PDB file of N, CA and C in Angstrom:
ATOM      1  N   MET A   1       0.818  -1.193   0.000  1.00  0.00           N
ATOM      2  CA  MET A   1       0.000   0.000   0.000  1.00  0.00           C
ATOM      3  C   MET A   1       0.867   1.264   0.000  1.00  0.00           C
ATOM      4  N   LEU A   2       1.988   1.262   0.723  1.00  0.00           N
ATOM      5  CA  LEU A   2       2.855   2.424   0.797  1.00  0.00           C
ATOM      6  C   LEU A   2       3.339   2.844  -0.581  1.00  0.00           C
ATOM      7  N   ASN A   3       3.613   1.906  -1.466  1.00  0.00           N
ATOM      8  CA  ASN A   3       4.108   2.225  -2.800  1.00  0.00           C
ATOM      9  C   ASN A   3       3.033   2.788  -3.715  1.00  0.00           C
ATOM     10  N   GLU A   4       1.761   2.635  -3.370  1.00  0.00           N
ATOM     11  CA  GLU A   4       0.664   3.103  -4.214  1.00  0.00           C
ATOM     12  C   GLU A   4       0.266   4.544  -3.921  1.00  0.00           C
ATOM     13  N   LYS A   5       0.648   5.069  -2.769  1.00  0.00           N
ATOM     14  CA  LYS A   5       0.230   6.405  -2.372  1.00  0.00           C
ATOM     15  C   LYS A   5       1.024   7.475  -3.114  1.00  0.00           C
ATOM     16  N   ILE A   6       0.355   8.552  -3.458  1.00  0.00           N
ATOM     17  CA  ILE A   6       1.000   9.688  -4.119  1.00  0.00           C
ATOM     18  C   ILE A   6       1.682  10.573  -3.077  1.00  0.00           C
ATOM     19  N   THR A   7       1.026  10.763  -1.935  1.00  0.00           N
ATOM     20  CA  THR A   7       1.596  11.573  -0.860  1.00  0.00           C
ATOM     21  C   THR A   7       1.836  10.699   0.362  1.00  0.00           C
ATOM     22  N   LEU A   8       2.807  11.117   1.159  1.00  0.00           N
ATOM     23  CA  LEU A   8       3.153  10.386   2.367  1.00  0.00           C
ATOM     24  C   LEU A   8       3.143  11.337   3.559  1.00  0.00           C
ATOM     25  N   THR A   9       2.761  10.831   4.726  1.00  0.00           N
ATOM     26  CA  THR A   9       2.891  11.602   5.958  1.00  0.00           C
ATOM     27  C   THR A   9       4.365  11.645   6.331  1.00  0.00           C
ATOM     28  N   VAL A  10       4.715  12.435   7.320  1.00  0.00           N
ATOM     29  CA  VAL A  10       6.107  12.512   7.762  1.00  0.00           C
ATOM     30  C   VAL A  10       6.587  11.138   8.236  1.00  0.00           C
ATOM     31  N   ASN A  11       5.751  10.422   8.971  1.00  0.00           N
ATOM     32  CA  ASN A  11       6.139   9.086   9.431  1.00  0.00           C
ATOM     33  C   ASN A  11       6.385   8.143   8.259  1.00  0.00           C
ATOM     34  N   GLU A  12       5.502   8.167   7.283  1.00  0.00           N
ATOM     35  CA  GLU A  12       5.661   7.311   6.108  1.00  0.00           C
ATOM     36  C   GLU A  12       6.877   7.730   5.283  1.00  0.00           C
ATOM     37  N   ALA A  13       7.081   9.048   5.148  1.00  0.00           N
ATOM     38  CA  ALA A  13       8.228   9.552   4.394  1.00  0.00           C
ATOM     39  C   ALA A  13       9.534   9.161   5.085  1.00  0.00           C
ATOM     40  N   SER A  14       9.526   9.155   6.388  1.00  0.00           N
ATOM     41  CA  SER A  14      10.701   8.735   7.143  1.00  0.00           C
ATOM     42  C   SER A  14      11.022   7.271   6.873  1.00  0.00           C
ATOM     43  N   GLU A  15      10.006   6.448   6.893  1.00  0.00           N
ATOM     44  CA  GLU A  15      10.180   5.025   6.600  1.00  0.00           C
ATOM     45  C   GLU A  15      10.637   4.823   5.150  1.00  0.00           C
ATOM     46  N   TYR A  16      10.072   5.589   4.240  1.00  0.00           N
ATOM     47  CA  TYR A  16      10.368   5.474   2.807  1.00  0.00           C
ATOM     48  C   TYR A  16      11.810   5.878   2.486  1.00  0.00           C
ATOM     49  N   THR A  17      12.294   6.970   3.122  1.00  0.00           N
ATOM     50  CA  THR A  17      13.613   7.512   2.793  1.00  0.00           C
ATOM     51  C   THR A  17      14.724   7.075   3.739  1.00  0.00           C
ATOM     52  N   GLY A  18      14.363   6.725   4.960  1.00  0.00           N
ATOM     53  CA  GLY A  18      15.379   6.430   5.967  1.00  0.00           C
ATOM     54  C   GLY A  18      15.847   7.674   6.704  1.00  0.00           C
ATOM     55  N   ILE A  19      15.270   8.825   6.390  1.00  0.00           N
ATOM     56  CA  ILE A  19      15.579  10.077   7.095  1.00  0.00           C
ATOM     57  C   ILE A  19      14.653  10.153   8.305  1.00  0.00           C
ATOM     58  N   GLY A  20      15.194  10.503   9.455  1.00  0.00           N
ATOM     59  CA  GLY A  20      14.396  10.580  10.675  1.00  0.00           C
ATOM     60  C   GLY A  20      13.271  11.602  10.585  1.00  0.00           C
ATOM     61  N   ARG A  21      12.222  11.374  11.347  1.00  0.00           N
ATOM     62  CA  ARG A  21      11.056  12.273  11.347  1.00  0.00           C
ATOM     63  C   ARG A  21      11.441  13.705  11.727  1.00  0.00           C
ATOM     64  N   THR A  22      12.265  13.838  12.761  1.00  0.00           N
ATOM     65  CA  THR A  22      12.679  15.170  13.210  1.00  0.00           C
ATOM     66  C   THR A  22      13.473  15.880  12.121  1.00  0.00           C
ATOM     67  N   ASN A  23      14.363  15.156  11.473  1.00  0.00           N
ATOM     68  CA  ASN A  23      15.154  15.758  10.388  1.00  0.00           C
ATOM     69  C   ASN A  23      14.272  16.137   9.214  1.00  0.00           C
ATOM     70  N   LEU A  24      13.288  15.309   8.874  1.00  0.00           N
ATOM     71  CA  LEU A  24      12.354  15.665   7.794  1.00  0.00           C
ATOM     72  C   LEU A  24      11.589  16.939   8.134  1.00  0.00           C
ATOM     73  N   ARG A  25      11.109  17.022   9.368  1.00  0.00           N
ATOM     74  CA  ARG A  25      10.375  18.229   9.777  1.00  0.00           C
ATOM     75  C   ARG A  25      11.274  19.462   9.699  1.00  0.00           C
ATOM     76  N   GLN A  26      12.559  19.318  10.065  1.00  0.00           N
ATOM     77  CA  GLN A  26      13.496  20.433   9.987  1.00  0.00           C
ATOM     78  C   GLN A  26      13.716  20.848   8.534  1.00  0.00           C
ATOM     79  N   LEU A  27      13.888  19.878   7.652  1.00  0.00           N
ATOM     80  CA  LEU A  27      14.073  20.172   6.229  1.00  0.00           C
ATOM     81  C   LEU A  27      12.854  20.890   5.650  1.00  0.00           C
ATOM     82  N   ILE A  28      11.664  20.512   6.082  1.00  0.00           N
ATOM     83  CA  ILE A  28      10.439  21.185   5.647  1.00  0.00           C
ATOM     84  C   ILE A  28      10.410  22.619   6.181  1.00  0.00           C
ATOM     85  N   ALA A  29      10.766  22.787   7.457  1.00  0.00           N
ATOM     86  CA  ALA A  29      10.783  24.129   8.062  1.00  0.00           C
ATOM     87  C   ALA A  29      11.789  25.043   7.363  1.00  0.00           C
ATOM     88  N   TRP A  30      12.916  24.488   6.924  1.00  0.00           N
ATOM     89  CA  TRP A  30      13.919  25.258   6.200  1.00  0.00           C
ATOM     90  C   TRP A  30      13.487  25.562   4.771  1.00  0.00           C
ATOM     91  N   GLY A  31      12.401  24.947   4.309  1.00  0.00           N
ATOM     92  CA  GLY A  31      11.940  25.146   2.938  1.00  0.00           C
ATOM     93  C   GLY A  31      12.716  24.320   1.923  1.00  0.00           C
ATOM     94  N   LYS A  32      13.361  23.255   2.367  1.00  0.00           N
ATOM     95  CA  LYS A  32      14.163  22.414   1.483  1.00  0.00           C
ATOM     96  C   LYS A  32      13.349  21.293   0.849  1.00  0.00           C
ATOM     97  N   ILE A  33      12.267  20.891   1.504  1.00  0.00           N
ATOM     98  CA  ILE A  33      11.353  19.885   0.951  1.00  0.00           C
ATOM     99  C   ILE A  33       9.968  20.515   0.910  1.00  0.00           C
ATOM    100  N   SER A  34       9.375  20.570  -0.281  1.00  0.00           N
ATOM    101  CA  SER A  34       8.035  21.144  -0.383  1.00  0.00           C
ATOM    102  C   SER A  34       7.015  20.155   0.176  1.00  0.00           C
ATOM    103  N   SER A  35       6.012  20.699   0.818  1.00  0.00           N
ATOM    104  CA  SER A  35       4.985  19.872   1.448  1.00  0.00           C
ATOM    105  C   SER A  35       3.674  20.639   1.481  1.00  0.00           C
ATOM    106  N   MET A  36       2.642  19.966   1.921  1.00  0.00           N
ATOM    107  CA  MET A  36       1.354  20.626   2.120  1.00  0.00           C
ATOM    108  C   MET A  36       0.814  20.240   3.487  1.00  0.00           C
ATOM    109  N   ARG A  37       0.048  21.116   4.053  1.00  0.00           N
ATOM    110  CA  ARG A  37      -0.555  20.853   5.362  1.00  0.00           C
ATOM    111  C   ARG A  37      -2.065  20.733   5.204  1.00  0.00           C
ATOM    112  N   ILE A  38      -2.582  19.750   5.904  1.00  0.00           N
ATOM    113  CA  ILE A  38      -4.031  19.615   6.044  1.00  0.00           C
ATOM    114  C   ILE A  38      -4.268  19.532   7.542  1.00  0.00           C
ATOM    115  N   GLY A  39      -4.661  20.658   8.122  1.00  0.00           N
ATOM    116  CA  GLY A  39      -4.744  20.723   9.573  1.00  0.00           C
ATOM    117  C   GLY A  39      -3.349  20.570  10.152  1.00  0.00           C
ATOM    118  N   ARG A  40      -3.163  19.583  11.022  1.00  0.00           N
ATOM    119  CA  ARG A  40      -1.846  19.324  11.615  1.00  0.00           C
ATOM    120  C   ARG A  40      -1.034  18.329  10.801  1.00  0.00           C
ATOM    121  N   LYS A  41      -1.657  17.700   9.838  1.00  0.00           N
ATOM    122  CA  LYS A  41      -0.976  16.674   9.043  1.00  0.00           C
ATOM    123  C   LYS A  41      -0.152  17.313   7.940  1.00  0.00           C
ATOM    124  N   ILE A  42       1.089  16.837   7.804  1.00  0.00           N
ATOM    125  CA  ILE A  42       1.982  17.280   6.741  1.00  0.00           C
ATOM    126  C   ILE A  42       2.064  16.158   5.719  1.00  0.00           C
ATOM    127  N   LEU A  43       1.845  16.502   4.449  1.00  0.00           N
ATOM    128  CA  LEU A  43       1.935  15.529   3.366  1.00  0.00           C
ATOM    129  C   LEU A  43       3.033  15.943   2.390  1.00  0.00           C
ATOM    130  N   ILE A  44       3.791  14.947   1.947  1.00  0.00           N
ATOM    131  CA  ILE A  44       4.892  15.176   1.011  1.00  0.00           C
ATOM    132  C   ILE A  44       4.688  14.249  -0.179  1.00  0.00           C
ATOM    133  N   ARG A  45       4.790  14.794  -1.396  1.00  0.00           N
ATOM    134  CA  ARG A  45       4.658  13.955  -2.590  1.00  0.00           C
ATOM    135  C   ARG A  45       5.861  13.026  -2.688  1.00  0.00           C
ATOM    136  N   ARG A  46       5.611  11.793  -3.012  1.00  0.00           N
ATOM    137  CA  ARG A  46       6.673  10.783  -3.100  1.00  0.00           C
ATOM    138  C   ARG A  46       7.710  11.170  -4.149  1.00  0.00           C
ATOM    139  N   GLU A  47       7.267  11.739  -5.253  1.00  0.00           N
ATOM    140  CA  GLU A  47       8.217  12.133  -6.302  1.00  0.00           C
ATOM    141  C   GLU A  47       9.132  13.261  -5.824  1.00  0.00           C
ATOM    142  N   VAL A  48       8.658  14.124  -4.929  1.00  0.00           N
ATOM    143  CA  VAL A  48       9.494  15.172  -4.345  1.00  0.00           C
ATOM    144  C   VAL A  48      10.597  14.532  -3.499  1.00  0.00           C
ATOM    145  N   LEU A  49      10.242  13.509  -2.728  1.00  0.00           N
ATOM    146  CA  LEU A  49      11.238  12.816  -1.911  1.00  0.00           C
ATOM    147  C   LEU A  49      12.294  12.139  -2.782  1.00  0.00           C
ATOM    148  N   ASP A  50      11.858  11.503  -3.855  1.00  0.00           N
ATOM    149  CA  ASP A  50      12.798  10.846  -4.767  1.00  0.00           C
ATOM    150  C   ASP A  50      13.785  11.853  -5.352  1.00  0.00           C
ATOM    151  N   GLU A  51      13.268  13.003  -5.782  1.00  0.00           N
ATOM    152  CA  GLU A  51      14.115  14.044  -6.366  1.00  0.00           C
ATOM    153  C   GLU A  51      15.050  14.640  -5.309  1.00  0.00           C
ATOM    154  N   PHE A  52      14.540  14.848  -4.107  1.00  0.00           N
ATOM    155  CA  PHE A  52      15.352  15.387  -3.021  1.00  0.00           C
ATOM    156  C   PHE A  52      16.545  14.473  -2.730  1.00  0.00           C
ATOM    157  N   ILE A  53      16.297  13.169  -2.637  1.00  0.00           N
ATOM    158  CA  ILE A  53      17.371  12.210  -2.382  1.00  0.00           C
ATOM    159  C   ILE A  53      18.379  12.237  -3.531  1.00  0.00           C
ATOM    160  N   ARG A  54      17.895  12.271  -4.751  1.00  0.00           N
ATOM    161  CA  ARG A  54      18.778  12.274  -5.916  1.00  0.00           C
ATOM    162  C   ARG A  54      19.684  13.507  -5.911  1.00  0.00           C
ATOM    163  N   LEU A  55      19.111  14.687  -5.664  1.00  0.00           N
ATOM    164  CA  LEU A  55      19.870  15.930  -5.714  1.00  0.00           C
ATOM    165  C   LEU A  55      20.845  16.090  -4.550  1.00  0.00           C
ATOM    166  N   ASN A  56      20.530  15.504  -3.405  1.00  0.00           N
ATOM    167  CA  ASN A  56      21.326  15.728  -2.200  1.00  0.00           C
ATOM    168  C   ASN A  56      22.215  14.560  -1.817  1.00  0.00           C
ATOM    169  N   GLU A  57      22.376  13.622  -2.710  1.00  0.00           N
ATOM    170  CA  GLU A  57      23.254  12.501  -2.430  1.00  0.00           C
ATOM    171  C   GLU A  57      24.662  13.023  -2.150  1.00  0.00           C
ATOM    172  N   GLY A  58      25.206  12.650  -1.016  1.00  0.00           N
ATOM    173  CA  GLY A  58      26.542  13.089  -0.620  1.00  0.00           C
ATOM    174  C   GLY A  58      26.571  14.387   0.171  1.00  0.00           C
ATOM    175  N   ASN A  59      25.452  15.096   0.268  1.00  0.00           N
ATOM    176  CA  ASN A  59      25.396  16.343   1.038  1.00  0.00           C
ATOM    177  C   ASN A  59      25.081  16.054   2.500  1.00  0.00           C
ATOM    178  N   ASN A  60      25.522  16.942   3.380  1.00  0.00           N
ATOM    179  CA  ASN A  60      25.205  16.855   4.803  1.00  0.00           C
ATOM    180  C   ASN A  60      23.830  17.487   5.014  1.00  0.00           C
ATOM    181  N   LEU A  61      22.838  16.674   5.318  1.00  0.00           N
ATOM    182  CA  LEU A  61      21.470  17.170   5.465  1.00  0.00           C
ATOM    183  C   LEU A  61      21.262  17.975   6.747  1.00  0.00           C
ATOM    184  N   MET A  62      22.237  17.965   7.635  1.00  0.00           N
ATOM    185  CA  MET A  62      22.126  18.752   8.862  1.00  0.00           C
ATOM    186  C   MET A  62      22.636  20.184   8.661  1.00  0.00           C
ATOM    187  N   ASN A  63      23.279  20.442   7.532  1.00  0.00           N
ATOM    188  CA  ASN A  63      23.774  21.782   7.212  1.00  0.00           C
ATOM    189  C   ASN A  63      22.843  22.388   6.166  1.00  0.00           C
ATOM    190  N   LYS A  64      21.994  23.316   6.584  1.00  0.00           N
ATOM    191  CA  LYS A  64      20.972  23.838   5.672  1.00  0.00           C
ATOM    192  C   LYS A  64      21.556  24.523   4.450  1.00  0.00           C
ATOM    193  N   TYR A  65      22.819  24.929   4.515  1.00  0.00           N
ATOM    194  CA  TYR A  65      23.451  25.596   3.374  1.00  0.00           C
ATOM    195  C   TYR A  65      23.968  24.609   2.330  1.00  0.00           C
ATOM    196  N   GLU A  66      24.099  23.338   2.694  1.00  0.00           N
ATOM    197  CA  GLU A  66      24.522  22.308   1.747  1.00  0.00           C
ATOM    198  C   GLU A  66      23.340  21.649   1.056  1.00  0.00           C
ATOM    199  N   VAL A  67      22.159  21.754   1.640  1.00  0.00           N
ATOM    200  CA  VAL A  67      20.983  21.048   1.156  1.00  0.00           C
ATOM    201  C   VAL A  67      20.371  21.784  -0.029  1.00  0.00           C
ATOM    202  N   ILE A  68      20.111  21.047  -1.103  1.00  0.00           N
ATOM    203  CA  ILE A  68      19.468  21.608  -2.287  1.00  0.00           C
ATOM    204  C   ILE A  68      17.967  21.443  -2.139  1.00  0.00           C
ATOM    205  N   ALA A  69      17.237  22.529  -2.286  1.00  0.00           N
ATOM    206  CA  ALA A  69      15.784  22.518  -2.111  1.00  0.00           C
ATOM    207  C   ALA A  69      15.080  21.888  -3.309  1.00  0.00           C
ATOM    208  N   VAL A  70      13.970  21.230  -3.009  1.00  0.00           N
ATOM    209  CA  VAL A  70      13.129  20.631  -4.051  1.00  0.00           C
ATOM    210  C   VAL A  70      11.723  21.165  -3.864  1.00  0.00           C
TER     211      VAL A  70
END
């Protein structure tokens, strides 16, 4: 079922990418990963996550100046 969804919650995106939930939320707050909010729920398109991983391979995701925004 996870592979069929177009959007993922932060928990699902964490499982999908291997990036921790807290780090994903930080990347969203920095504007590095585009997302949408529905109430308190944050949704991220799976294709955005794929592109983010591709563009940032080898970058330090804890340094906001090294991270390429998607």
